[in-house]
Amino acid sequence: MPKKILLLLCLTLAGMQAYAQPACQEPVSPAIPSGRTSTEKEMREALEAVKAFISAGIAYRECLEKEFSGVKEQLPGQIKAVLEEAYQNSLEMDELVADTFNTQLRIFRSLND
């Protein structure tokens, strides 16, 4: 009997995971170089990586909206909360990455102008 319960629990969690992680893939934040030690080339590369990350974040959120439009209201409360949290975390991560890069860019410029 305990094996059946464990199997049922695993299947339930796997099903919840499918809702929590749809075909939409959350982007991985880029490494932000230090403005104190980076070269101009490294800062330019980081800028491009940040731009790509933010674009991927927009695409991720659009994917979430598309993937769950029409069914979101039918989902259990916990799954809706996970989706809303994923969306909000993505927005916050975009802002954090951009702010971090801008801070390092200001430091770089102050030392190299």
PDB file of N, CA and C in Angstrom:
ATOM      1  N   MET A   1       0.801  -1.200   0.000  1.00  0.00           N
ATOM      2  CA  MET A   1       0.000   0.000   0.000  1.00  0.00           C
ATOM      3  C   MET A   1       0.846   1.268   0.000  1.00  0.00           C
ATOM      4  N   PRO A   2       1.901   1.390   0.822  1.00  0.00           N
ATOM      5  CA  PRO A   2       2.706   2.601   0.821  1.00  0.00           C
ATOM      6  C   PRO A   2       3.338   2.889  -0.544  1.00  0.00           C
ATOM      7  N   LYS A   3       3.680   1.827  -1.307  1.00  0.00           N
ATOM      8  CA  LYS A   3       4.267   2.043  -2.626  1.00  0.00           C
ATOM      9  C   LYS A   3       3.260   2.687  -3.568  1.00  0.00           C
ATOM     10  N   LYS A   4       1.996   2.298  -3.468  1.00  0.00           N
ATOM     11  CA  LYS A   4       0.961   2.893  -4.308  1.00  0.00           C
ATOM     12  C   LYS A   4       0.760   4.361  -3.964  1.00  0.00           C
ATOM     13  N   ILE A   5       0.794   4.678  -2.699  1.00  0.00           N
ATOM     14  CA  ILE A   5       0.639   6.072  -2.272  1.00  0.00           C
ATOM     15  C   ILE A   5       1.816   6.897  -2.770  1.00  0.00           C
ATOM     16  N   LEU A   6       3.011   6.359  -2.646  1.00  0.00           N
ATOM     17  CA  LEU A   6       4.196   7.061  -3.117  1.00  0.00           C
ATOM     18  C   LEU A   6       4.136   7.278  -4.631  1.00  0.00           C
ATOM     19  N   LEU A   7       3.711   6.274  -5.354  1.00  0.00           N
ATOM     20  CA  LEU A   7       3.584   6.394  -6.804  1.00  0.00           C
ATOM     21  C   LEU A   7       2.547   7.449  -7.164  1.00  0.00           C
ATOM     22  N   LEU A   8       1.431   7.438  -6.490  1.00  0.00           N
ATOM     23  CA  LEU A   8       0.384   8.434  -6.735  1.00  0.00           C
ATOM     24  C   LEU A   8       0.891   9.846  -6.442  1.00  0.00           C
ATOM     25  N   LEU A   9       1.623  10.005  -5.363  1.00  0.00           N
ATOM     26  CA  LEU A   9       2.187  11.297  -5.006  1.00  0.00           C
ATOM     27  C   LEU A   9       3.170  11.769  -6.077  1.00  0.00           C
ATOM     28  N   CYS A  10       4.013  10.873  -6.548  1.00  0.00           N
ATOM     29  CA  CYS A  10       4.982  11.221  -7.592  1.00  0.00           C
ATOM     30  C   CYS A  10       4.276  11.640  -8.881  1.00  0.00           C
ATOM     31  N   LEU A  11       3.249  10.923  -9.256  1.00  0.00           N
ATOM     32  CA  LEU A  11       2.503  11.260 -10.464  1.00  0.00           C
ATOM     33  C   LEU A  11       1.805  12.611 -10.323  1.00  0.00           C
ATOM     34  N   THR A  12       1.266  12.875  -9.143  1.00  0.00           N
ATOM     35  CA  THR A  12       0.611  14.159  -8.895  1.00  0.00           C
ATOM     36  C   THR A  12       1.618  15.296  -8.992  1.00  0.00           C
ATOM     37  N   LEU A  13       2.770  15.126  -8.365  1.00  0.00           N
ATOM     38  CA  LEU A  13       3.801  16.159  -8.427  1.00  0.00           C
ATOM     39  C   LEU A  13       4.311  16.355  -9.844  1.00  0.00           C
ATOM     40  N   ALA A  14       4.448  15.287 -10.589  1.00  0.00           N
ATOM     41  CA  ALA A  14       4.881  15.386 -11.986  1.00  0.00           C
ATOM     42  C   ALA A  14       3.856  16.158 -12.803  1.00  0.00           C
ATOM     43  N   GLY A  15       2.605  15.927 -12.537  1.00  0.00           N
ATOM     44  CA  GLY A  15       1.552  16.670 -13.231  1.00  0.00           C
ATOM     45  C   GLY A  15       1.596  18.146 -12.883  1.00  0.00           C
ATOM     46  N   MET A  16       1.829  18.467 -11.621  1.00  0.00           N
ATOM     47  CA  MET A  16       1.947  19.864 -11.226  1.00  0.00           C
ATOM     48  C   MET A  16       3.174  20.497 -11.870  1.00  0.00           C
ATOM     49  N   GLN A  17       4.244  19.739 -11.980  1.00  0.00           N
ATOM     50  CA  GLN A  17       5.463  20.245 -12.606  1.00  0.00           C
ATOM     51  C   GLN A  17       5.207  20.584 -14.068  1.00  0.00           C
ATOM     52  N   ALA A  18       4.387  19.808 -14.733  1.00  0.00           N
ATOM     53  CA  ALA A  18       4.065  20.074 -16.134  1.00  0.00           C
ATOM     54  C   ALA A  18       3.349  21.404 -16.264  1.00  0.00           C
ATOM     55  N   TYR A  19       2.462  21.721 -15.323  1.00  0.00           N
ATOM     56  CA  TYR A  19       1.803  23.023 -15.353  1.00  0.00           C
ATOM     57  C   TYR A  19       2.779  24.137 -14.999  1.00  0.00           C
ATOM     58  N   ALA A  20       3.631  23.890 -14.037  1.00  0.00           N
ATOM     59  CA  ALA A  20       4.547  24.922 -13.573  1.00  0.00           C
ATOM     60  C   ALA A  20       5.644  25.207 -14.590  1.00  0.00           C
ATOM     61  N   GLN A  21       6.010  24.218 -15.404  1.00  0.00           N
ATOM     62  CA  GLN A  21       7.044  24.415 -16.398  1.00  0.00           C
ATOM     63  C   GLN A  21       6.537  23.994 -17.766  1.00  0.00           C
ATOM     64  N   PRO A  22       5.772  24.870 -18.399  1.00  0.00           N
ATOM     65  CA  PRO A  22       5.257  24.548 -19.726  1.00  0.00           C
ATOM     66  C   PRO A  22       6.382  24.585 -20.745  1.00  0.00           C
ATOM     67  N   ALA A  23       6.024  24.580 -21.999  1.00  0.00           N
ATOM     68  CA  ALA A  23       7.000  24.633 -23.068  1.00  0.00           C
ATOM     69  C   ALA A  23       7.834  25.906 -22.990  1.00  0.00           C
ATOM     70  N   CYS A  24       7.405  26.858 -22.217  1.00  0.00           N
ATOM     71  CA  CYS A  24       8.114  28.129 -22.063  1.00  0.00           C
ATOM     72  C   CYS A  24       9.368  27.908 -21.212  1.00  0.00           C
ATOM     73  N   GLN A  25      10.483  28.420 -21.704  1.00  0.00           N
ATOM     74  CA  GLN A  25      11.738  28.253 -20.969  1.00  0.00           C
ATOM     75  C   GLN A  25      12.221  29.594 -20.440  1.00  0.00           C
ATOM     76  N   GLU A  26      12.338  29.680 -19.143  1.00  0.00           N
ATOM     77  CA  GLU A  26      12.824  30.902 -18.520  1.00  0.00           C
ATOM     78  C   GLU A  26      14.305  31.074 -18.849  1.00  0.00           C
ATOM     79  N   PRO A  27      14.703  32.264 -19.301  1.00  0.00           N
ATOM     80  CA  PRO A  27      16.114  32.458 -19.660  1.00  0.00           C
ATOM     81  C   PRO A  27      17.008  32.506 -18.425  1.00  0.00           C
ATOM     82  N   VAL A  28      18.257  32.163 -18.638  1.00  0.00           N
ATOM     83  CA  VAL A  28      19.260  32.203 -17.577  1.00  0.00           C
ATOM     84  C   VAL A  28      19.936  33.567 -17.632  1.00  0.00           C
ATOM     85  N   SER A  29      20.045  34.206 -16.482  1.00  0.00           N
ATOM     86  CA  SER A  29      20.628  35.544 -16.455  1.00  0.00           C
ATOM     87  C   SER A  29      22.112  35.500 -16.813  1.00  0.00           C
ATOM     88  N   PRO A  30      22.564  36.520 -17.537  1.00  0.00           N
ATOM     89  CA  PRO A  30      23.971  36.554 -17.942  1.00  0.00           C
ATOM     90  C   PRO A  30      24.865  36.982 -16.789  1.00  0.00           C
ATOM     91  N   ALA A  31      26.128  36.659 -16.910  1.00  0.00           N
ATOM     92  CA  ALA A  31      27.111  37.132 -15.937  1.00  0.00           C
ATOM     93  C   ALA A  31      27.379  38.605 -16.220  1.00  0.00           C
ATOM     94  N   ILE A  32      27.411  39.389 -15.185  1.00  0.00           N
ATOM     95  CA  ILE A  32      27.679  40.821 -15.317  1.00  0.00           C
ATOM     96  C   ILE A  32      29.104  41.070 -14.831  1.00  0.00           C
ATOM     97  N   PRO A  33      29.953  41.582 -15.708  1.00  0.00           N
ATOM     98  CA  PRO A  33      31.342  41.810 -15.305  1.00  0.00           C
ATOM     99  C   PRO A  33      31.468  43.019 -14.378  1.00  0.00           C
ATOM    100  N   SER A  34      32.534  43.063 -13.642  1.00  0.00           N
ATOM    101  CA  SER A  34      32.808  44.181 -12.751  1.00  0.00           C
ATOM    102  C   SER A  34      33.237  45.391 -13.572  1.00  0.00           C
ATOM    103  N   GLY A  35      32.643  46.518 -13.286  1.00  0.00           N
ATOM    104  CA  GLY A  35      33.026  47.748 -13.958  1.00  0.00           C
ATOM    105  C   GLY A  35      34.417  48.211 -13.580  1.00  0.00           C
ATOM    106  N   ARG A  36      34.925  47.720 -12.477  1.00  0.00           N
ATOM    107  CA  ARG A  36      36.266  48.114 -12.019  1.00  0.00           C
ATOM    108  C   ARG A  36      37.376  47.400 -12.780  1.00  0.00           C
ATOM    109  N   THR A  37      37.105  46.193 -13.245  1.00  0.00           N
ATOM    110  CA  THR A  37      38.186  45.388 -13.836  1.00  0.00           C
ATOM    111  C   THR A  37      37.951  44.989 -15.289  1.00  0.00           C
ATOM    112  N   SER A  38      36.809  45.311 -15.832  1.00  0.00           N
ATOM    113  CA  SER A  38      36.471  44.859 -17.177  1.00  0.00           C
ATOM    114  C   SER A  38      37.077  45.740 -18.257  1.00  0.00           C
ATOM    115  N   THR A  39      37.226  45.132 -19.422  1.00  0.00           N
ATOM    116  CA  THR A  39      37.655  45.882 -20.595  1.00  0.00           C
ATOM    117  C   THR A  39      36.414  46.423 -21.298  1.00  0.00           C
ATOM    118  N   GLU A  40      36.635  47.331 -22.227  1.00  0.00           N
ATOM    119  CA  GLU A  40      35.515  47.870 -22.992  1.00  0.00           C
ATOM    120  C   GLU A  40      34.827  46.751 -23.766  1.00  0.00           C
ATOM    121  N   LYS A  41      35.612  45.841 -24.311  1.00  0.00           N
ATOM    122  CA  LYS A  41      35.042  44.711 -25.063  1.00  0.00           C
ATOM    123  C   LYS A  41      34.137  43.863 -24.162  1.00  0.00           C
ATOM    124  N   GLU A  42      34.577  43.593 -22.952  1.00  0.00           N
ATOM    125  CA  GLU A  42      33.769  42.797 -22.022  1.00  0.00           C
ATOM    126  C   GLU A  42      32.463  43.507 -21.665  1.00  0.00           C
ATOM    127  N   MET A  43      32.529  44.801 -21.511  1.00  0.00           N
ATOM    128  CA  MET A  43      31.314  45.563 -21.193  1.00  0.00           C
ATOM    129  C   MET A  43      30.360  45.573 -22.387  1.00  0.00           C
ATOM    130  N   ARG A  44      30.880  45.695 -23.597  1.00  0.00           N
ATOM    131  CA  ARG A  44      30.019  45.646 -24.789  1.00  0.00           C
ATOM    132  C   ARG A  44      29.363  44.271 -24.935  1.00  0.00           C
ATOM    133  N   GLU A  45      30.145  43.227 -24.697  1.00  0.00           N
ATOM    134  CA  GLU A  45      29.598  41.864 -24.765  1.00  0.00           C
ATOM    135  C   GLU A  45      28.523  41.663 -23.700  1.00  0.00           C
ATOM    136  N   ALA A  46      28.766  42.203 -22.517  1.00  0.00           N
ATOM    137  CA  ALA A  46      27.780  42.091 -21.439  1.00  0.00           C
ATOM    138  C   ALA A  46      26.505  42.843 -21.804  1.00  0.00           C
ATOM    139  N   LEU A  47      26.646  44.005 -22.438  1.00  0.00           N
ATOM    140  CA  LEU A  47      25.473  44.766 -22.865  1.00  0.00           C
ATOM    141  C   LEU A  47      24.634  43.942 -23.836  1.00  0.00           C
ATOM    142  N   GLU A  48      25.283  43.305 -24.781  1.00  0.00           N
ATOM    143  CA  GLU A  48      24.558  42.467 -25.740  1.00  0.00           C
ATOM    144  C   GLU A  48      23.890  41.286 -25.042  1.00  0.00           C
ATOM    145  N   ALA A  49      24.576  40.700 -24.064  1.00  0.00           N
ATOM    146  CA  ALA A  49      24.003  39.576 -23.310  1.00  0.00           C
ATOM    147  C   ALA A  49      22.791  40.032 -22.500  1.00  0.00           C
ATOM    148  N   VAL A  50      22.869  41.223 -21.924  1.00  0.00           N
ATOM    149  CA  VAL A  50      21.745  41.756 -21.146  1.00  0.00           C
ATOM    150  C   VAL A  50      20.556  42.022 -22.063  1.00  0.00           C
ATOM    151  N   LYS A  51      20.818  42.623 -23.226  1.00  0.00           N
ATOM    152  CA  LYS A  51      19.736  42.866 -24.183  1.00  0.00           C
ATOM    153  C   LYS A  51      19.070  41.553 -24.604  1.00  0.00           C
ATOM    154  N   ALA A  52      19.890  40.541 -24.884  1.00  0.00           N
ATOM    155  CA  ALA A  52      19.353  39.238 -25.288  1.00  0.00           C
ATOM    156  C   ALA A  52      18.546  38.616 -24.154  1.00  0.00           C
ATOM    157  N   PHE A  53      19.031  38.761 -22.926  1.00  0.00           N
ATOM    158  CA  PHE A  53      18.328  38.219 -21.771  1.00  0.00           C
ATOM    159  C   PHE A  53      16.963  38.875 -21.596  1.00  0.00           C
ATOM    160  N   ILE A  54      16.928  40.188 -21.719  1.00  0.00           N
ATOM    161  CA  ILE A  54      15.660  40.901 -21.557  1.00  0.00           C
ATOM    162  C   ILE A  54      14.690  40.516 -22.669  1.00  0.00           C
ATOM    163  N   SER A  55      15.183  40.389 -23.889  1.00  0.00           N
ATOM    164  CA  SER A  55      14.324  39.945 -25.000  1.00  0.00           C
ATOM    165  C   SER A  55      13.790  38.543 -24.745  1.00  0.00           C
ATOM    166  N   ALA A  56      14.661  37.667 -24.240  1.00  0.00           N
ATOM    167  CA  ALA A  56      14.230  36.301 -23.930  1.00  0.00           C
ATOM    168  C   ALA A  56      13.220  36.294 -22.789  1.00  0.00           C
ATOM    169  N   GLY A  57      13.373  37.216 -21.838  1.00  0.00           N
ATOM    170  CA  GLY A  57      12.410  37.322 -20.738  1.00  0.00           C
ATOM    171  C   GLY A  57      11.041  37.761 -21.240  1.00  0.00           C
ATOM    172  N   ILE A  58      11.031  38.686 -22.173  1.00  0.00           N
ATOM    173  CA  ILE A  58       9.767  39.122 -22.769  1.00  0.00           C
ATOM    174  C   ILE A  58       9.106  37.955 -23.493  1.00  0.00           C
ATOM    175  N   ALA A  59       9.907  37.219 -24.257  1.00  0.00           N
ATOM    176  CA  ALA A  59       9.384  36.058 -24.988  1.00  0.00           C
ATOM    177  C   ALA A  59       8.854  35.001 -24.017  1.00  0.00           C
ATOM    178  N   TYR A  60       9.542  34.800 -22.904  1.00  0.00           N
ATOM    179  CA  TYR A  60       9.122  33.835 -21.888  1.00  0.00           C
ATOM    180  C   TYR A  60       7.762  34.224 -21.310  1.00  0.00           C
ATOM    181  N   ARG A  61       7.601  35.489 -20.971  1.00  0.00           N
ATOM    182  CA  ARG A  61       6.328  35.937 -20.394  1.00  0.00           C
ATOM    183  C   ARG A  61       5.204  35.862 -21.428  1.00  0.00           C
ATOM    184  N   GLU A  62       5.506  36.204 -22.665  1.00  0.00           N
ATOM    185  CA  GLU A  62       4.503  36.066 -23.726  1.00  0.00           C
ATOM    186  C   GLU A  62       4.113  34.605 -23.908  1.00  0.00           C
ATOM    187  N   CYS A  63       5.086  33.718 -23.810  1.00  0.00           N
ATOM    188  CA  CYS A  63       4.818  32.284 -23.915  1.00  0.00           C
ATOM    189  C   CYS A  63       3.910  31.824 -22.778  1.00  0.00           C
ATOM    190  N   LEU A  64       4.201  32.273 -21.550  1.00  0.00           N
ATOM    191  CA  LEU A  64       3.350  31.905 -20.418  1.00  0.00           C
ATOM    192  C   LEU A  64       1.914  32.360 -20.657  1.00  0.00           C
ATOM    193  N   GLU A  65       1.767  33.590 -21.112  1.00  0.00           N
ATOM    194  CA  GLU A  65       0.422  34.116 -21.371  1.00  0.00           C
ATOM    195  C   GLU A  65      -0.285  33.291 -22.446  1.00  0.00           C
ATOM    196  N   LYS A  66       0.425  32.987 -23.506  1.00  0.00           N
ATOM    197  CA  LYS A  66      -0.161  32.223 -24.614  1.00  0.00           C
ATOM    198  C   LYS A  66      -0.489  30.791 -24.177  1.00  0.00           C
ATOM    199  N   GLU A  67       0.450  30.176 -23.480  1.00  0.00           N
ATOM    200  CA  GLU A  67       0.310  28.775 -23.067  1.00  0.00           C
ATOM    201  C   GLU A  67      -0.905  28.565 -22.161  1.00  0.00           C
ATOM    202  N   PHE A  68      -1.196  29.547 -21.322  1.00  0.00           N
ATOM    203  CA  PHE A  68      -2.241  29.358 -20.320  1.00  0.00           C
ATOM    204  C   PHE A  68      -3.471  30.230 -20.537  1.00  0.00           C
ATOM    205  N   SER A  69      -3.501  30.983 -21.628  1.00  0.00           N
ATOM    206  CA  SER A  69      -4.701  31.777 -21.885  1.00  0.00           C
ATOM    207  C   SER A  69      -5.859  30.825 -22.168  1.00  0.00           C
ATOM    208  N   GLY A  70      -6.984  31.142 -21.652  1.00  0.00           N
ATOM    209  CA  GLY A  70      -8.160  30.307 -21.861  1.00  0.00           C
ATOM    210  C   GLY A  70      -8.321  29.186 -20.848  1.00  0.00           C
ATOM    211  N   VAL A  71      -7.237  28.762 -20.208  1.00  0.00           N
ATOM    212  CA  VAL A  71      -7.358  27.689 -19.215  1.00  0.00           C
ATOM    213  C   VAL A  71      -6.945  28.144 -17.819  1.00  0.00           C
ATOM    214  N   LYS A  72      -6.357  29.330 -17.731  1.00  0.00           N
ATOM    215  CA  LYS A  72      -5.845  29.787 -16.444  1.00  0.00           C
ATOM    216  C   LYS A  72      -6.913  29.795 -15.365  1.00  0.00           C
ATOM    217  N   GLU A  73      -8.105  30.221 -15.703  1.00  0.00           N
ATOM    218  CA  GLU A  73      -9.178  30.288 -14.709  1.00  0.00           C
ATOM    219  C   GLU A  73      -9.629  28.908 -14.247  1.00  0.00           C
ATOM    220  N   GLN A  74      -9.353  27.892 -15.014  1.00  0.00           N
ATOM    221  CA  GLN A  74      -9.763  26.528 -14.657  1.00  0.00           C
ATOM    222  C   GLN A  74      -8.705  25.804 -13.833  1.00  0.00           C
ATOM    223  N   LEU A  75      -7.519  26.376 -13.722  1.00  0.00           N
ATOM    224  CA  LEU A  75      -6.438  25.726 -12.993  1.00  0.00           C
ATOM    225  C   LEU A  75      -6.655  25.841 -11.489  1.00  0.00           C
ATOM    226  N   PRO A  76      -6.172  24.868 -10.738  1.00  0.00           N
ATOM    227  CA  PRO A  76      -6.237  24.969  -9.280  1.00  0.00           C
ATOM    228  C   PRO A  76      -5.470  26.198  -8.784  1.00  0.00           C
ATOM    229  N   GLY A  77      -5.864  26.712  -7.653  1.00  0.00           N
ATOM    230  CA  GLY A  77      -5.278  27.921  -7.099  1.00  0.00           C
ATOM    231  C   GLY A  77      -3.768  27.880  -6.944  1.00  0.00           C
ATOM    232  N   GLN A  78      -3.241  26.743  -6.493  1.00  0.00           N
ATOM    233  CA  GLN A  78      -1.805  26.633  -6.290  1.00  0.00           C
ATOM    234  C   GLN A  78      -1.055  26.754  -7.610  1.00  0.00           C
ATOM    235  N   ILE A  79      -1.582  26.164  -8.652  1.00  0.00           N
ATOM    236  CA  ILE A  79      -0.914  26.209  -9.948  1.00  0.00           C
ATOM    237  C   ILE A  79      -0.986  27.623 -10.519  1.00  0.00           C
ATOM    238  N   LYS A  80      -2.126  28.290 -10.371  1.00  0.00           N
ATOM    239  CA  LYS A  80      -2.242  29.684 -10.804  1.00  0.00           C
ATOM    240  C   LYS A  80      -1.215  30.544 -10.063  1.00  0.00           C
ATOM    241  N   ALA A  81      -1.072  30.297  -8.775  1.00  0.00           N
ATOM    242  CA  ALA A  81      -0.122  31.077  -7.979  1.00  0.00           C
ATOM    243  C   ALA A  81       1.310  30.852  -8.468  1.00  0.00           C
ATOM    244  N   VAL A  82       1.642  29.621  -8.824  1.00  0.00           N
ATOM    245  CA  VAL A  82       2.984  29.316  -9.345  1.00  0.00           C
ATOM    246  C   VAL A  82       3.218  30.049 -10.660  1.00  0.00           C
ATOM    247  N   LEU A  83       2.229  30.044 -11.529  1.00  0.00           N
ATOM    248  CA  LEU A  83       2.352  30.745 -12.809  1.00  0.00           C
ATOM    249  C   LEU A  83       2.515  32.249 -12.614  1.00  0.00           C
ATOM    250  N   GLU A  84       1.717  32.815 -11.748  1.00  0.00           N
ATOM    251  CA  GLU A  84       1.805  34.251 -11.481  1.00  0.00           C
ATOM    252  C   GLU A  84       3.153  34.605 -10.863  1.00  0.00           C
ATOM    253  N   GLU A  85       3.638  33.738  -9.987  1.00  0.00           N
ATOM    254  CA  GLU A  85       4.944  33.965  -9.367  1.00  0.00           C
ATOM    255  C   GLU A  85       6.054  33.870 -10.408  1.00  0.00           C
ATOM    256  N   ALA A  86       5.974  32.906 -11.319  1.00  0.00           N
ATOM    257  CA  ALA A  86       6.978  32.772 -12.375  1.00  0.00           C
ATOM    258  C   ALA A  86       7.008  34.020 -13.252  1.00  0.00           C
ATOM    259  N   TYR A  87       5.840  34.517 -13.585  1.00  0.00           N
ATOM    260  CA  TYR A  87       5.732  35.725 -14.405  1.00  0.00           C
ATOM    261  C   TYR A  87       6.359  36.917 -13.676  1.00  0.00           C
ATOM    262  N   GLN A  88       5.979  37.098 -12.416  1.00  0.00           N
ATOM    263  CA  GLN A  88       6.492  38.224 -11.633  1.00  0.00           C
ATOM    264  C   GLN A  88       7.993  38.105 -11.410  1.00  0.00           C
ATOM    265  N   ASN A  89       8.477  36.908 -11.119  1.00  0.00           N
ATOM    266  CA  ASN A  89       9.920  36.706 -10.922  1.00  0.00           C
ATOM    267  C   ASN A  89      10.692  37.057 -12.180  1.00  0.00           C
ATOM    268  N   SER A  90      10.135  36.733 -13.333  1.00  0.00           N
ATOM    269  CA  SER A  90      10.784  37.054 -14.597  1.00  0.00           C
ATOM    270  C   SER A  90      10.902  38.568 -14.774  1.00  0.00           C
ATOM    271  N   LEU A  91       9.840  39.289 -14.472  1.00  0.00           N
ATOM    272  CA  LEU A  91       9.891  40.753 -14.547  1.00  0.00           C
ATOM    273  C   LEU A  91      10.950  41.321 -13.603  1.00  0.00           C
ATOM    274  N   GLU A  92      10.956  40.822 -12.385  1.00  0.00           N
ATOM    275  CA  GLU A  92      11.914  41.299 -11.392  1.00  0.00           C
ATOM    276  C   GLU A  92      13.347  40.970 -11.781  1.00  0.00           C
ATOM    277  N   MET A  93      13.560  39.799 -12.392  1.00  0.00           N
ATOM    278  CA  MET A  93      14.904  39.415 -12.809  1.00  0.00           C
ATOM    279  C   MET A  93      15.388  40.316 -13.942  1.00  0.00           C
ATOM    280  N   ASP A  94      14.505  40.650 -14.880  1.00  0.00           N
ATOM    281  CA  ASP A  94      14.877  41.586 -15.947  1.00  0.00           C
ATOM    282  C   ASP A  94      15.359  42.907 -15.345  1.00  0.00           C
ATOM    283  N   GLU A  95      14.599  43.403 -14.392  1.00  0.00           N
ATOM    284  CA  GLU A  95      14.945  44.673 -13.759  1.00  0.00           C
ATOM    285  C   GLU A  95      16.259  44.569 -12.985  1.00  0.00           C
ATOM    286  N   LEU A  96      16.446  43.490 -12.260  1.00  0.00           N
ATOM    287  CA  LEU A  96      17.669  43.299 -11.484  1.00  0.00           C
ATOM    288  C   LEU A  96      18.897  43.216 -12.390  1.00  0.00           C
ATOM    289  N   VAL A  97      18.798  42.448 -13.462  1.00  0.00           N
ATOM    290  CA  VAL A  97      19.931  42.306 -14.387  1.00  0.00           C
ATOM    291  C   VAL A  97      20.257  43.652 -15.023  1.00  0.00           C
ATOM    292  N   ALA A  98      19.233  44.367 -15.481  1.00  0.00           N
ATOM    293  CA  ALA A  98      19.464  45.674 -16.102  1.00  0.00           C
ATOM    294  C   ALA A  98      20.078  46.653 -15.099  1.00  0.00           C
ATOM    295  N   ASP A  99      19.544  46.701 -13.883  1.00  0.00           N
ATOM    296  CA  ASP A  99      20.080  47.606 -12.861  1.00  0.00           C
ATOM    297  C   ASP A  99      21.518  47.262 -12.498  1.00  0.00           C
ATOM    298  N   THR A 100      21.810  45.973 -12.359  1.00  0.00           N
ATOM    299  CA  THR A 100      23.164  45.537 -12.024  1.00  0.00           C
ATOM    300  C   THR A 100      24.138  45.923 -13.125  1.00  0.00           C
ATOM    301  N   PHE A 101      23.741  45.672 -14.374  1.00  0.00           N
ATOM    302  CA  PHE A 101      24.610  46.045 -15.484  1.00  0.00           C
ATOM    303  C   PHE A 101      24.830  47.553 -15.514  1.00  0.00           C
ATOM    304  N   ASN A 102      23.759  48.324 -15.374  1.00  0.00           N
ATOM    305  CA  ASN A 102      23.884  49.787 -15.421  1.00  0.00           C
ATOM    306  C   ASN A 102      24.788  50.315 -14.314  1.00  0.00           C
ATOM    307  N   THR A 103      24.721  49.726 -13.143  1.00  0.00           N
ATOM    308  CA  THR A 103      25.605  50.123 -12.044  1.00  0.00           C
ATOM    309  C   THR A 103      27.059  49.860 -12.425  1.00  0.00           C
ATOM    310  N   GLN A 104      27.330  48.666 -12.961  1.00  0.00           N
ATOM    311  CA  GLN A 104      28.700  48.337 -13.351  1.00  0.00           C
ATOM    312  C   GLN A 104      29.175  49.195 -14.524  1.00  0.00           C
ATOM    313  N   LEU A 105      28.275  49.538 -15.424  1.00  0.00           N
ATOM    314  CA  LEU A 105      28.624  50.402 -16.551  1.00  0.00           C
ATOM    315  C   LEU A 105      28.991  51.803 -16.066  1.00  0.00           C
ATOM    316  N   ARG A 106      28.250  52.320 -15.097  1.00  0.00           N
ATOM    317  CA  ARG A 106      28.583  53.631 -14.537  1.00  0.00           C
ATOM    318  C   ARG A 106      29.956  53.601 -13.878  1.00  0.00           C
ATOM    319  N   ILE A 107      30.247  52.539 -13.157  1.00  0.00           N
ATOM    320  CA  ILE A 107      31.567  52.409 -12.532  1.00  0.00           C
ATOM    321  C   ILE A 107      32.641  52.360 -13.618  1.00  0.00           C
ATOM    322  N   PHE A 108      32.413  51.550 -14.641  1.00  0.00           N
ATOM    323  CA  PHE A 108      33.373  51.435 -15.743  1.00  0.00           C
ATOM    324  C   PHE A 108      33.636  52.797 -16.381  1.00  0.00           C
ATOM    325  N   ARG A 109      32.556  53.515 -16.675  1.00  0.00           N
ATOM    326  CA  ARG A 109      32.705  54.836 -17.315  1.00  0.00           C
ATOM    327  C   ARG A 109      33.434  55.826 -16.413  1.00  0.00           C
ATOM    328  N   SER A 110      33.149  55.778 -15.119  1.00  0.00           N
ATOM    329  CA  SER A 110      33.803  56.718 -14.202  1.00  0.00           C
ATOM    330  C   SER A 110      35.305  56.466 -14.131  1.00  0.00           C
ATOM    331  N   LEU A 111      35.719  55.249 -14.343  1.00  0.00           N
ATOM    332  CA  LEU A 111      37.142  54.901 -14.276  1.00  0.00           C
ATOM    333  C   LEU A 111      37.852  55.006 -15.624  1.00  0.00           C
ATOM    334  N   ASN A 112      37.078  55.071 -16.703  1.00  0.00           N
ATOM    335  CA  ASN A 112      37.696  55.018 -18.026  1.00  0.00           C
ATOM    336  C   ASN A 112      37.403  56.231 -18.907  1.00  0.00           C
ATOM    337  N   ASP A 113      36.821  57.261 -18.357  1.00  0.00           N
ATOM    338  CA  ASP A 113      36.564  58.467 -19.164  1.00  0.00           C
ATOM    339  C   ASP A 113      37.651  59.488 -18.984  1.00  0.00           C
TER     340      ASP A 113
END
